[in-house]
Amino acid sequence: MSSGLALKSDPARILACTVSKNVHLFDLLIEDMEVELGDAWGDLSFDEARAFLDQPDAEDLEFLAIAVTADDDLDLGMVGELIVASKARGVHSILVAHDLGPAALHELLRLGADDFVPYPLAEGALHDAVERMRANKPVPVVSASDLVARKGRADRDTSAPIEIGQRLGGQAAVFAVQGIAGGTGASTLAVNLAWELANIDKQKSPSVCLLDLDLQAGTVSTYLDLPRRDMVIELLQDARSMDVDAFKQALLGYDGKLSVFPAPPELLPLDLIGPEEVEALIGFATQCFDVVVIDMPHSLVMWTETVLSRSDVYFTTMELDMRSAQNAMRFLKALRSEDLPIDKLNFVLNRAPGMTDLSGKTRVKKLAESLGIKIGTQLPDGGRQVMQAGDHGLPLMDSARKNPLRREITKLADGLHKAMLGQAATK
């Protein structure tokens, strides 16, 4: 202690700041900032934050957590100016938004905000946003004028939506997939069918969008190793009032060829959205893409009719067992009672018997006859490779090209693509 070093201490580095009109309205944000950063953060008003960015103390600043609420007399110009200024100085910005409309949210994201988390904060939401921010490359330091010139242009990274090309014939095709029972391969079919269609023609493949509308058990993001976005929750709720640009902002890109609207990161009630919201989502997707593939929840919901009516083909996956047979019977009864278009259904038998399994083929025939349906597609058992592909976040085309299930899905995609081209040629 004689050296006196213990009496000397450097001031705490400020790594982040909350910016709001009244941070005490965001008590959960305060708690999460303390957990994430300890004492290495501060709280500023909007005017203070703008001035602080020019101070030497801001040299260590990693990000601003900008907390806004629709209840405030929100000045979007002031918030946008702060985002642009922070971007110019290499400081990230995370929007913490409470009841903020999709149009305002979209405008702030276009100005350069790096991420968005809805308030009240879900457990770990801020931590995940900070981790995503730190995992990215450092924000390049550019002039504010350059940033304004680039306003409205999305950053091109692995999670950005792909560029949308010319549409085939100007008419989008909609294919929905619903499992008649759990574990019948609906999501596997939806993901791999979308990817096969996106790669069907080396010269001019259709532009494809995959919508994951299974709000509780959606696995598209898992099967393609894509992040889940908190902003999806608010966009789903306000789908009727958002525009095409806001819809595109929610999309994730996969390998430059497929755009994905992911399921939300939290378990949500299936009635969170209604027919109007789903109609709006499908409308935006069909405006932008040649093909829209929709992964549906297993349950019948009040917007099942909306998707069925908009679909060109409604694939229904099942297996050769009693639970699938009983569920298919009840499914058909429900559709007939509402006078819905059953002719759009294409029953898909997953893990179908092989060519030499005569007993199994007889059972398939009896199943179809007892239900009064035609099983239009039979898919073989893909074995462990299918599970491994899902665990690794890869389509079968990329992980098990010669898998028998992949080959049949390729044939299915090829048939759908030829039908699309034939319809376009007759128009």
Protein backbone atom coordinates (compact mmCIF):
# COMPACT_ATOMS: atom_id res chain seq x y z
CA MET A 1 0.00 0.00 0.00
CA SER A 2 3.02 2.29 0.33
CA SER A 3 3.02 2.95 -3.36
CA GLY A 4 -0.36 4.58 -3.08
CA LEU A 5 -1.60 2.80 -6.19
CA ALA A 6 -4.78 1.74 -4.39
CA LEU A 7 -5.74 5.36 -4.04
CA LYS A 8 -5.62 5.90 -7.78
CA SER A 9 -8.29 4.49 -10.05
CA ASP A 10 -9.33 5.21 -13.58
CA PRO A 11 -12.91 6.38 -14.11
CA ALA A 12 -15.27 3.60 -15.19
CA ARG A 13 -15.48 3.16 -18.95
CA ILE A 14 -18.89 3.86 -20.39
CA LEU A 15 -19.66 1.07 -22.84
CA ALA A 16 -23.34 1.84 -23.43
CA CYS A 17 -26.07 4.36 -22.67
CA THR A 18 -29.82 4.23 -22.50
CA VAL A 19 -31.49 7.15 -24.27
CA SER A 20 -35.09 8.02 -23.45
CA LYS A 21 -37.41 10.76 -22.29
CA ASN A 22 -37.85 8.95 -18.97
CA VAL A 23 -35.83 5.79 -18.39
CA HIS A 24 -37.86 4.96 -15.25
CA LEU A 25 -40.73 4.02 -17.54
CA PHE A 26 -38.45 1.20 -18.75
CA ASP A 27 -37.59 -0.48 -15.45
CA LEU A 28 -36.96 -3.85 -17.12
CA LEU A 29 -34.43 -2.17 -19.39
CA ILE A 30 -32.59 -0.76 -16.35
CA GLU A 31 -32.40 -4.24 -14.81
CA ASP A 32 -31.13 -5.83 -18.02
CA MET A 33 -28.52 -3.10 -18.57
CA GLU A 34 -27.17 -3.67 -15.05
CA VAL A 35 -27.00 -7.43 -15.64
CA GLU A 36 -25.32 -6.98 -19.02
CA LEU A 37 -22.89 -4.15 -18.20
CA GLY A 38 -22.68 -3.68 -14.46
CA ASP A 39 -21.70 -0.05 -13.82
CA ALA A 40 -20.32 0.53 -17.31
CA TRP A 41 -23.41 2.28 -18.64
CA GLY A 42 -25.20 5.58 -18.29
CA ASP A 43 -28.55 7.20 -18.93
CA LEU A 44 -29.05 10.20 -21.20
CA SER A 45 -31.85 12.28 -22.62
CA PHE A 46 -32.02 12.69 -26.39
CA ASP A 47 -30.40 16.14 -26.28
CA GLU A 48 -27.67 14.89 -23.94
CA ALA A 49 -26.97 11.85 -26.10
CA ARG A 50 -26.46 13.95 -29.21
CA ALA A 51 -23.91 16.10 -27.39
CA PHE A 52 -22.25 13.14 -25.62
CA LEU A 53 -21.33 11.51 -28.92
CA ASP A 54 -18.90 14.39 -29.55
CA GLN A 55 -17.19 14.05 -26.15
CA PRO A 56 -13.92 12.15 -25.44
CA ASP A 57 -15.83 10.00 -22.89
CA ALA A 58 -17.74 8.45 -25.79
CA GLU A 59 -14.63 6.83 -27.28
CA ASP A 60 -15.36 3.47 -25.60
CA LEU A 61 -19.09 3.56 -26.37
CA GLU A 62 -20.34 0.34 -28.00
CA PHE A 63 -24.04 1.02 -28.36
CA LEU A 64 -27.04 3.16 -27.48
CA ALA A 65 -30.21 1.53 -26.23
CA ILE A 66 -32.80 3.99 -27.55
CA ALA A 67 -36.06 3.52 -25.64
CA VAL A 68 -39.16 4.94 -27.28
CA THR A 69 -42.89 4.54 -26.70
CA ALA A 70 -45.94 5.53 -28.69
CA ASP A 71 -47.29 7.25 -25.55
CA ASP A 72 -44.52 9.86 -25.84
CA ASP A 73 -44.85 12.88 -28.05
CA LEU A 74 -42.29 11.11 -30.21
CA ASP A 75 -40.18 13.20 -32.54
CA LEU A 76 -39.02 10.68 -35.13
CA GLY A 77 -36.74 13.26 -36.71
CA MET A 78 -34.87 13.69 -33.41
CA VAL A 79 -34.56 9.92 -32.90
CA GLY A 80 -33.52 9.41 -36.50
CA GLU A 81 -30.88 12.14 -36.24
CA LEU A 82 -29.42 10.40 -33.18
CA ILE A 83 -29.29 7.06 -35.02
CA VAL A 84 -27.54 8.63 -38.00
CA ALA A 85 -25.07 10.45 -35.75
CA SER A 86 -24.23 7.30 -33.77
CA LYS A 87 -23.77 5.32 -36.96
CA ALA A 88 -21.37 7.94 -38.27
CA ARG A 89 -19.25 7.53 -35.15
CA GLY A 90 -19.14 3.74 -35.25
CA VAL A 91 -21.64 3.32 -32.38
CA HIS A 92 -24.39 0.72 -32.68
CA SER A 93 -27.99 1.52 -31.83
CA ILE A 94 -30.63 -0.86 -30.44
CA LEU A 95 -34.26 0.25 -30.47
CA VAL A 96 -36.29 -0.68 -27.38
CA ALA A 97 -39.83 0.08 -28.55
CA HIS A 98 -43.11 0.00 -26.66
CA ASP A 99 -46.28 0.07 -28.80
CA LEU A 100 -44.41 1.71 -31.66
CA GLY A 101 -46.23 1.35 -34.99
CA PRO A 102 -44.63 -0.61 -37.83
CA ALA A 103 -44.30 2.45 -40.07
CA ALA A 104 -42.33 4.39 -37.44
CA LEU A 105 -40.28 1.32 -36.55
CA HIS A 106 -39.48 0.64 -40.18
CA GLU A 107 -38.38 4.24 -40.78
CA LEU A 108 -35.96 4.10 -37.82
CA LEU A 109 -34.52 0.77 -38.99
CA ARG A 110 -34.03 2.22 -42.46
CA LEU A 111 -32.07 5.10 -40.96
CA GLY A 112 -29.52 2.63 -39.60
CA ALA A 113 -30.69 1.20 -36.25
CA ASP A 114 -28.90 -2.14 -35.86
CA ASP A 115 -31.56 -4.10 -33.97
CA PHE A 116 -34.97 -3.93 -32.35
CA VAL A 117 -36.42 -5.49 -29.19
CA PRO A 118 -40.04 -4.94 -28.12
CA TYR A 119 -40.85 -3.71 -24.63
CA PRO A 120 -41.69 -5.23 -22.13
CA LEU A 121 -38.43 -7.09 -22.65
CA ALA A 122 -38.57 -10.86 -22.84
CA GLU A 123 -36.02 -12.71 -20.71
CA GLY A 124 -32.64 -12.54 -22.42
CA ALA A 125 -33.89 -10.34 -25.29
CA LEU A 126 -31.44 -7.49 -24.65
CA HIS A 127 -28.58 -9.93 -24.10
CA ASP A 128 -29.34 -11.64 -27.42
CA ALA A 129 -29.45 -8.29 -29.22
CA VAL A 130 -26.10 -7.26 -27.73
CA GLU A 131 -24.56 -10.61 -28.68
CA ARG A 132 -25.82 -10.25 -32.25
CA MET A 133 -24.40 -6.75 -32.36
CA ARG A 134 -21.00 -7.83 -31.07
CA ALA A 135 -20.86 -10.78 -33.45
CA ASN A 136 -21.16 -8.49 -36.46
CA LYS A 137 -18.25 -6.66 -38.02
CA PRO A 138 -17.50 -3.21 -36.58
CA VAL A 139 -19.70 -0.45 -37.92
CA PRO A 140 -17.65 1.51 -40.49
CA VAL A 141 -17.06 5.13 -39.58
CA VAL A 142 -18.50 7.21 -42.41
CA SER A 143 -19.80 10.72 -42.72
CA ALA A 144 -23.35 11.62 -41.83
CA SER A 145 -23.92 12.81 -45.40
CA ASP A 146 -22.98 9.36 -46.72
CA LEU A 147 -25.45 7.76 -44.33
CA VAL A 148 -28.26 10.06 -45.40
CA ALA A 149 -27.48 9.24 -49.04
CA ARG A 150 -27.81 5.55 -48.22
CA LYS A 151 -31.08 5.98 -46.38
CA GLY A 152 -33.54 3.22 -47.22
CA ARG A 153 -30.91 0.80 -48.46
CA ALA A 154 -30.64 -2.42 -46.45
CA ASP A 155 -27.21 -3.62 -45.34
CA ARG A 156 -26.19 -6.64 -47.37
CA ASP A 157 -25.32 -9.40 -44.94
CA THR A 158 -26.18 -13.05 -44.45
CA SER A 159 -29.47 -12.24 -42.75
CA ALA A 160 -30.73 -9.66 -45.25
CA PRO A 161 -33.49 -10.56 -47.72
CA ILE A 162 -32.33 -11.52 -51.18
CA GLU A 163 -32.73 -9.28 -54.18
CA ILE A 164 -36.11 -9.88 -55.82
CA GLY A 165 -35.92 -10.53 -59.53
CA GLN A 166 -38.42 -10.68 -62.36
CA ARG A 167 -41.51 -12.72 -61.64
CA LEU A 168 -42.58 -15.55 -63.92
CA GLY A 169 -45.63 -14.47 -65.85
CA GLY A 170 -46.41 -11.82 -63.25
CA GLN A 171 -48.54 -14.30 -61.28
CA ALA A 172 -47.38 -15.75 -57.96
CA ALA A 173 -48.02 -19.36 -56.98
CA VAL A 174 -48.95 -20.16 -53.36
CA PHE A 175 -48.24 -23.57 -51.84
CA ALA A 176 -49.19 -24.31 -48.23
CA VAL A 177 -48.08 -27.29 -46.14
CA GLN A 178 -49.91 -28.55 -43.04
CA GLY A 179 -49.28 -31.68 -41.03
CA ILE A 180 -52.36 -33.71 -40.21
CA ALA A 181 -50.49 -34.92 -37.12
CA GLY A 182 -47.24 -34.08 -35.38
CA GLY A 183 -44.06 -35.51 -36.84
CA THR A 184 -45.41 -36.15 -40.32
CA GLY A 185 -42.72 -34.03 -41.98
CA ALA A 186 -44.67 -30.88 -42.87
CA SER A 187 -41.89 -28.42 -42.02
CA THR A 188 -39.27 -30.67 -43.64
CA LEU A 189 -41.35 -30.68 -46.82
CA ALA A 190 -41.98 -26.92 -46.72
CA VAL A 191 -38.31 -26.02 -46.24
CA ASN A 192 -36.93 -28.43 -48.81
CA LEU A 193 -39.67 -27.74 -51.37
CA ALA A 194 -38.98 -24.00 -51.12
CA TRP A 195 -35.23 -24.55 -51.51
CA GLU A 196 -35.68 -26.92 -54.47
CA LEU A 197 -37.92 -24.37 -56.22
CA ALA A 198 -35.39 -21.62 -55.55
CA ASN A 199 -32.74 -23.73 -57.33
CA ILE A 200 -34.92 -25.40 -59.95
CA ASP A 201 -33.44 -23.57 -62.95
CA LYS A 202 -29.80 -22.50 -63.12
CA GLN A 203 -30.65 -19.83 -65.67
CA LYS A 204 -33.88 -18.39 -64.29
CA SER A 205 -35.16 -19.85 -61.05
CA PRO A 206 -38.30 -18.31 -59.58
CA SER A 207 -38.00 -15.97 -56.61
CA VAL A 208 -39.26 -17.85 -53.55
CA CYS A 209 -40.53 -16.71 -50.16
CA LEU A 210 -41.07 -19.13 -47.26
CA LEU A 211 -43.56 -17.96 -44.61
CA ASP A 212 -43.38 -19.75 -41.24
CA LEU A 213 -46.85 -19.19 -39.77
CA ASP A 214 -46.53 -21.87 -37.10
CA LEU A 215 -46.45 -19.31 -34.29
CA GLN A 216 -45.79 -21.88 -31.56
CA ALA A 217 -43.67 -24.67 -33.00
CA GLY A 218 -42.20 -23.02 -36.11
CA THR A 219 -38.91 -24.71 -37.02
CA VAL A 220 -38.03 -23.13 -40.37
CA SER A 221 -35.39 -20.94 -38.70
CA THR A 222 -33.88 -24.03 -37.06
CA TYR A 223 -33.84 -26.06 -40.27
CA LEU A 224 -32.06 -23.21 -42.11
CA ASP A 225 -29.92 -22.01 -39.18
CA LEU A 226 -31.40 -18.51 -39.29
CA PRO A 227 -31.88 -16.10 -36.36
CA ARG A 228 -35.31 -15.29 -34.98
CA ARG A 229 -36.35 -11.65 -34.87
CA ASP A 230 -38.34 -9.96 -32.11
CA MET A 231 -39.69 -7.45 -34.61
CA VAL A 232 -41.77 -10.23 -36.19
CA ILE A 233 -44.19 -10.12 -33.24
CA GLU A 234 -45.16 -6.50 -33.80
CA LEU A 235 -45.26 -6.91 -37.56
CA LEU A 236 -47.66 -9.82 -37.22
CA GLN A 237 -49.97 -7.81 -35.00
CA ASP A 238 -49.90 -4.76 -37.28
CA ALA A 239 -49.79 -6.59 -40.62
CA ARG A 240 -52.85 -4.77 -41.91
CA SER A 241 -51.25 -1.34 -41.45
CA MET A 242 -47.70 -2.12 -42.61
CA ASP A 243 -46.45 -1.69 -46.16
CA VAL A 244 -44.37 -3.79 -48.54
CA ASP A 245 -41.13 -2.17 -47.37
CA ALA A 246 -41.86 -3.15 -43.76
CA PHE A 247 -42.60 -6.71 -44.89
CA LYS A 248 -39.28 -6.90 -46.73
CA GLN A 249 -37.48 -5.59 -43.65
CA ALA A 250 -38.69 -8.62 -41.68
CA LEU A 251 -37.36 -11.14 -44.20
CA LEU A 252 -34.20 -13.15 -43.75
CA GLY A 253 -32.10 -14.36 -46.65
CA TYR A 254 -30.73 -17.88 -47.05
CA ASP A 255 -27.71 -18.32 -49.31
CA GLY A 256 -28.81 -15.51 -51.61
CA LYS A 257 -31.66 -17.49 -53.15
CA LEU A 258 -34.46 -17.86 -50.60
CA SER A 259 -36.29 -15.26 -48.48
CA VAL A 260 -37.78 -16.38 -45.16
CA PHE A 261 -40.40 -14.77 -42.94
CA PRO A 262 -39.49 -16.51 -39.66
CA ALA A 263 -41.72 -17.58 -36.81
CA PRO A 264 -41.50 -15.29 -33.75
CA PRO A 265 -38.91 -16.08 -31.07
CA GLU A 266 -41.57 -16.61 -28.39
CA LEU A 267 -44.52 -19.01 -28.09
CA LEU A 268 -47.58 -17.02 -29.11
CA PRO A 269 -51.29 -17.88 -29.19
CA LEU A 270 -52.45 -18.92 -32.63
CA ASP A 271 -55.26 -16.34 -32.49
CA LEU A 272 -52.73 -13.50 -32.15
CA ILE A 273 -53.36 -12.94 -35.85
CA GLY A 274 -56.60 -13.20 -37.77
CA PRO A 275 -57.70 -13.61 -41.38
CA GLU A 276 -57.02 -9.94 -42.18
CA GLU A 277 -53.41 -10.08 -40.99
CA VAL A 278 -52.73 -13.34 -42.84
CA GLU A 279 -54.37 -11.99 -45.98
CA ALA A 280 -52.10 -8.95 -45.79
CA LEU A 281 -48.95 -11.09 -45.33
CA ILE A 282 -49.80 -13.31 -48.28
CA GLY A 283 -50.64 -10.24 -50.33
CA PHE A 284 -47.24 -8.66 -49.67
CA ALA A 285 -45.46 -11.93 -50.43
CA THR A 286 -47.30 -12.47 -53.72
CA GLN A 287 -46.53 -8.89 -54.77
CA CYS A 288 -42.80 -9.55 -54.42
CA PHE A 289 -42.18 -13.21 -55.29
CA ASP A 290 -42.96 -15.84 -57.90
CA VAL A 291 -43.58 -18.56 -55.34
CA VAL A 292 -44.83 -18.38 -51.75
CA VAL A 293 -44.54 -21.50 -49.58
CA ILE A 294 -46.41 -21.38 -46.27
CA ASP A 295 -45.60 -23.65 -43.32
CA MET A 296 -48.85 -23.95 -41.36
CA PRO A 297 -49.50 -24.98 -37.73
CA HIS A 298 -50.94 -28.45 -37.11
CA SER A 299 -54.13 -26.97 -35.65
CA LEU A 300 -57.06 -25.58 -37.57
CA VAL A 301 -57.28 -21.85 -36.85
CA MET A 302 -59.64 -19.10 -37.87
CA TRP A 303 -57.29 -18.12 -40.69
CA THR A 304 -56.85 -21.63 -42.14
CA GLU A 305 -59.67 -20.78 -44.55
CA THR A 306 -57.75 -17.69 -45.69
CA VAL A 307 -54.64 -19.69 -46.56
CA LEU A 308 -56.62 -22.50 -48.16
CA SER A 309 -58.53 -20.06 -50.36
CA ARG A 310 -55.32 -18.30 -51.48
CA SER A 311 -53.37 -21.51 -52.12
CA ASP A 312 -52.93 -23.14 -55.50
CA VAL A 313 -52.06 -26.42 -53.77
CA TYR A 314 -52.56 -27.20 -50.08
CA PHE A 315 -50.26 -30.08 -49.13
CA THR A 316 -51.43 -32.14 -46.16
CA THR A 317 -48.83 -34.52 -44.75
CA MET A 318 -49.77 -37.78 -43.05
CA GLU A 319 -48.43 -41.23 -42.29
CA LEU A 320 -49.72 -44.75 -42.66
CA ASP A 321 -51.13 -45.04 -39.14
CA MET A 322 -54.42 -44.77 -37.27
CA ARG A 323 -53.83 -41.30 -35.82
CA SER A 324 -53.29 -39.83 -39.31
CA ALA A 325 -56.37 -41.61 -40.63
CA GLN A 326 -58.57 -40.33 -37.81
CA ASN A 327 -57.19 -36.80 -38.00
CA ALA A 328 -57.64 -36.74 -41.78
CA MET A 329 -61.26 -37.81 -41.36
CA ARG A 330 -61.94 -35.02 -38.88
CA PHE A 331 -60.01 -32.53 -41.01
CA LEU A 332 -62.11 -33.30 -44.08
CA LYS A 333 -65.33 -33.18 -42.06
CA ALA A 334 -64.43 -29.73 -40.73
CA LEU A 335 -63.66 -28.38 -44.20
CA ARG A 336 -66.83 -29.81 -45.71
CA SER A 337 -68.96 -28.33 -42.91
CA GLU A 338 -67.63 -24.88 -43.85
CA ASP A 339 -67.97 -25.58 -47.59
CA LEU A 340 -64.25 -24.99 -48.17
CA PRO A 341 -62.43 -25.97 -51.39
CA ILE A 342 -61.30 -29.55 -50.69
CA ASP A 343 -60.17 -29.94 -54.29
CA LYS A 344 -57.04 -27.91 -53.44
CA LEU A 345 -55.86 -30.54 -50.96
CA ASN A 346 -52.96 -32.74 -51.97
CA PHE A 347 -52.48 -35.51 -49.41
CA VAL A 348 -48.82 -36.38 -48.94
CA LEU A 349 -47.97 -39.75 -47.43
CA ASN A 350 -44.66 -39.50 -45.61
CA ARG A 351 -42.52 -42.58 -44.93
CA ALA A 352 -44.48 -44.39 -47.62
CA PRO A 353 -43.80 -48.10 -48.26
CA GLY A 354 -41.18 -48.99 -50.87
CA MET A 355 -41.75 -50.42 -54.32
CA THR A 356 -41.36 -54.01 -53.16
CA ASP A 357 -43.58 -53.67 -50.09
CA LEU A 358 -46.80 -55.08 -51.59
CA SER A 359 -48.51 -55.35 -48.22
CA GLY A 360 -47.76 -51.70 -47.49
CA LYS A 361 -49.07 -50.62 -50.89
CA THR A 362 -52.30 -52.45 -50.20
CA ARG A 363 -52.67 -50.60 -46.90
CA VAL A 364 -52.10 -47.28 -48.68
CA LYS A 365 -54.84 -48.10 -51.17
CA LYS A 366 -57.28 -49.08 -48.40
CA LEU A 367 -56.46 -45.90 -46.46
CA ALA A 368 -57.25 -43.72 -49.47
CA GLU A 369 -60.47 -45.60 -50.21
CA SER A 370 -61.70 -45.45 -46.62
CA LEU A 371 -61.14 -41.69 -46.47
CA GLY A 372 -62.45 -41.07 -49.96
CA ILE A 373 -59.29 -39.22 -50.96
CA LYS A 374 -56.46 -39.49 -53.45
CA ILE A 375 -52.96 -39.59 -52.04
CA GLY A 376 -51.24 -37.45 -54.62
CA THR A 377 -47.68 -37.65 -53.31
CA GLN A 378 -45.78 -40.44 -51.58
CA LEU A 379 -42.47 -39.65 -49.92
CA PRO A 380 -40.02 -42.34 -48.78
CA ASP A 381 -38.37 -42.47 -45.38
CA GLY A 382 -35.21 -40.37 -45.54
CA GLY A 383 -33.70 -41.97 -42.46
CA ARG A 384 -31.25 -40.33 -40.07
CA GLN A 385 -29.95 -37.97 -42.74
CA VAL A 386 -33.16 -35.95 -42.52
CA MET A 387 -32.81 -35.41 -38.78
CA GLN A 388 -29.11 -34.61 -39.15
CA ALA A 389 -29.83 -32.07 -41.89
CA GLY A 390 -32.33 -30.30 -39.63
CA ASP A 391 -29.91 -30.30 -36.70
CA HIS A 392 -27.18 -28.79 -38.88
CA GLY A 393 -29.49 -26.17 -40.41
CA LEU A 394 -29.07 -27.40 -43.99
CA PRO A 395 -31.56 -28.41 -46.70
CA LEU A 396 -31.25 -31.97 -48.01
CA MET A 397 -29.92 -30.64 -51.32
CA ASP A 398 -26.85 -29.34 -49.49
CA SER A 399 -26.38 -32.09 -46.90
CA ALA A 400 -27.67 -35.33 -48.47
CA ARG A 401 -28.14 -34.76 -52.19
CA LYS A 402 -28.74 -38.44 -53.00
CA ASN A 403 -31.18 -39.06 -50.16
CA PRO A 404 -34.35 -40.77 -51.49
CA LEU A 405 -36.61 -38.22 -49.76
CA ARG A 406 -34.69 -35.38 -51.38
CA ARG A 407 -35.08 -36.98 -54.81
CA GLU A 408 -38.86 -37.21 -54.46
CA ILE A 409 -39.14 -33.61 -53.27
CA THR A 410 -37.04 -32.59 -56.29
CA LYS A 411 -39.52 -34.39 -58.57
CA LEU A 412 -42.42 -32.64 -56.81
CA ALA A 413 -40.76 -29.23 -57.21
CA ASP A 414 -40.01 -29.93 -60.86
CA GLY A 415 -43.67 -30.79 -61.52
CA LEU A 416 -44.88 -27.62 -59.79
CA HIS A 417 -42.38 -25.49 -61.70
CA LYS A 418 -43.46 -26.91 -65.05
CA ALA A 419 -47.10 -26.28 -64.13
CA MET A 420 -46.23 -22.67 -63.29
CA LEU A 421 -44.45 -22.18 -66.58
CA GLY A 422 -47.37 -23.75 -68.44
CA GLN A 423 -49.86 -21.39 -66.78
CA ALA A 424 -47.64 -18.40 -67.50
CA ALA A 425 -47.37 -19.41 -71.18
CA THR A 426 -51.15 -19.53 -71.59
CA LYS A 427 -51.66 -16.00 -70.22
